[in-house]
Amino acid sequence: MKAFQAIKVIGGALIVVASLNAYAQSSDAMAASGAMSAAAPSAKSTKAANRALQRSVRKTLSRTKGLSVTNITVRARSGAVTLEGSVPEQPQVDIATQAAQGVAGVTSVKNDLTIRPIGQ
């Protein structure tokens, strides 16, 4: 009878210890996720930063000599810029890439520009 009572007490103690450990882990996880969410930028601020970078690249392209930006679309996502559309001559493709790479905040440039002569 005493052995049965001792097993009940030990089992109860193990349950208490296990539940305290589980509580500690979940609160640590909540604290870590709270810290991560505070450090991570919000979706609105990320979109605003992407739009600002797009405008900055577009402005730089429009001020670049020897480049026709009429049919160029600029997309930006976390510093990665994609140039899409068409230009009339091959040298303009290279000029557009170099100009976009020179903008502050641009980490990479993907050039999807095609060559389409004027009037086609």
Protein backbone atom coordinates (compact mmCIF):
# COMPACT_ATOMS: atom_id res chain seq x y z
CA MET A 1 0.00 0.00 0.00
CA LYS A 2 2.85 2.38 0.85
CA ALA A 3 4.53 1.62 -2.47
CA PHE A 4 1.34 2.45 -4.35
CA GLN A 5 1.05 5.79 -2.52
CA ALA A 6 4.73 6.58 -3.23
CA ILE A 7 4.20 5.89 -6.96
CA LYS A 8 1.21 8.28 -6.96
CA VAL A 9 3.27 11.03 -5.31
CA ILE A 10 6.20 10.57 -7.71
CA GLY A 11 3.83 10.49 -10.70
CA GLY A 12 2.13 13.68 -9.53
CA ALA A 13 5.50 15.39 -9.08
CA LEU A 14 6.55 14.37 -12.61
CA ILE A 15 3.31 15.81 -14.05
CA VAL A 16 3.89 19.12 -12.24
CA VAL A 17 7.50 19.32 -13.47
CA ALA A 18 6.48 18.50 -17.04
CA SER A 19 3.71 21.10 -17.05
CA LEU A 20 6.05 23.79 -15.70
CA ASN A 21 8.57 22.96 -18.42
CA ALA A 22 5.88 23.13 -21.11
CA TYR A 23 4.69 26.50 -19.77
CA ALA A 24 8.23 27.87 -19.79
CA GLN A 25 8.76 26.77 -23.40
CA SER A 26 5.54 28.33 -24.65
CA SER A 27 6.23 31.65 -22.94
CA ASP A 28 9.77 31.69 -24.36
CA ALA A 29 8.35 31.06 -27.81
CA MET A 30 5.85 33.88 -27.37
CA ALA A 31 8.59 36.23 -26.23
CA ALA A 32 10.78 35.30 -29.19
CA SER A 33 7.93 35.74 -31.70
CA GLY A 34 7.03 39.07 -30.12
CA ALA A 35 10.60 40.27 -30.46
CA MET A 36 10.75 39.06 -34.06
CA SER A 37 7.52 40.81 -35.00
CA ALA A 38 8.74 44.04 -33.44
CA ALA A 39 11.98 43.86 -35.43
CA ALA A 40 10.37 42.88 -38.72
CA PRO A 41 9.01 45.74 -40.82
CA SER A 42 5.28 45.89 -41.40
CA ALA A 43 3.74 45.08 -44.77
CA LYS A 44 2.77 48.73 -45.28
CA SER A 45 6.27 50.03 -44.65
CA THR A 46 7.75 47.37 -46.94
CA LYS A 47 5.36 48.31 -49.76
CA ALA A 48 6.12 51.99 -49.25
CA ALA A 49 9.86 51.32 -49.39
CA ASN A 50 9.43 49.28 -52.58
CA ARG A 51 7.39 52.06 -54.20
CA ALA A 52 9.94 54.67 -53.18
CA LEU A 53 12.74 52.59 -54.69
CA GLN A 54 10.74 52.15 -57.91
CA ARG A 55 10.24 55.91 -58.16
CA SER A 56 13.90 56.56 -57.48
CA VAL A 57 15.04 54.12 -60.18
CA ARG A 58 12.49 55.48 -62.65
CA LYS A 59 13.64 59.03 -61.95
CA THR A 60 17.27 58.04 -62.47
CA LEU A 61 16.43 56.26 -65.73
CA SER A 62 14.51 59.26 -67.03
CA ARG A 63 17.49 61.53 -66.34
CA THR A 64 19.98 59.18 -68.03
CA LYS A 65 21.28 60.51 -71.34
CA GLY A 66 20.75 58.27 -74.37
CA LEU A 67 17.96 56.20 -72.80
CA SER A 68 14.34 56.10 -73.92
CA VAL A 69 12.20 55.21 -70.87
CA THR A 70 8.85 55.41 -72.63
CA ASN A 71 8.30 51.64 -72.62
CA ILE A 72 10.26 50.69 -69.46
CA THR A 73 8.50 49.42 -66.34
CA VAL A 74 10.37 49.28 -63.03
CA ARG A 75 9.51 46.82 -60.26
CA ALA A 76 11.26 46.67 -56.90
CA ARG A 77 11.10 44.17 -54.08
CA SER A 78 13.42 44.46 -51.08
CA GLY A 79 16.19 46.06 -53.11
CA ALA A 80 15.89 43.72 -56.09
CA VAL A 81 14.89 45.71 -59.17
CA THR A 82 13.40 44.28 -62.37
CA LEU A 83 13.38 46.27 -65.59
CA GLU A 84 10.69 45.20 -68.07
CA GLY A 85 9.54 46.52 -71.42
CA SER A 86 11.34 47.46 -74.58
CA VAL A 87 13.98 49.87 -75.85
CA PRO A 88 14.85 50.72 -79.47
CA GLU A 89 18.56 49.74 -79.39
CA GLN A 90 20.86 47.23 -77.64
CA PRO A 91 23.14 49.83 -76.00
CA GLN A 92 20.11 51.20 -74.12
CA VAL A 93 19.65 47.84 -72.38
CA ASP A 94 23.15 48.12 -70.89
CA ILE A 95 22.71 51.81 -70.05
CA ALA A 96 19.46 51.08 -68.19
CA THR A 97 21.07 48.27 -66.18
CA GLN A 98 24.06 50.40 -65.17
CA ALA A 99 21.86 53.36 -64.25
CA ALA A 100 19.59 51.19 -62.07
CA GLN A 101 22.57 49.61 -60.31
CA GLY A 102 23.80 53.07 -59.35
CA VAL A 103 20.66 53.95 -57.37
CA ALA A 104 20.99 53.84 -53.58
CA GLY A 105 19.13 50.88 -52.09
CA VAL A 106 19.35 48.66 -55.17
CA THR A 107 20.90 45.29 -54.35
CA SER A 108 20.41 43.57 -57.71
CA VAL A 109 19.04 44.33 -61.16
CA LYS A 110 17.23 41.82 -63.38
CA ASN A 111 17.00 43.10 -66.91
CA ASP A 112 14.02 41.77 -68.88
CA LEU A 113 14.18 44.51 -71.52
CA THR A 114 13.68 43.57 -75.16
CA ILE A 115 14.80 45.40 -78.27
CA ARG A 116 11.97 46.78 -80.38
CA PRO A 117 12.84 49.43 -82.96
CA ILE A 118 10.68 52.53 -83.02
CA GLY A 119 7.59 52.04 -85.18
CA GLN A 120 7.25 48.30 -84.63
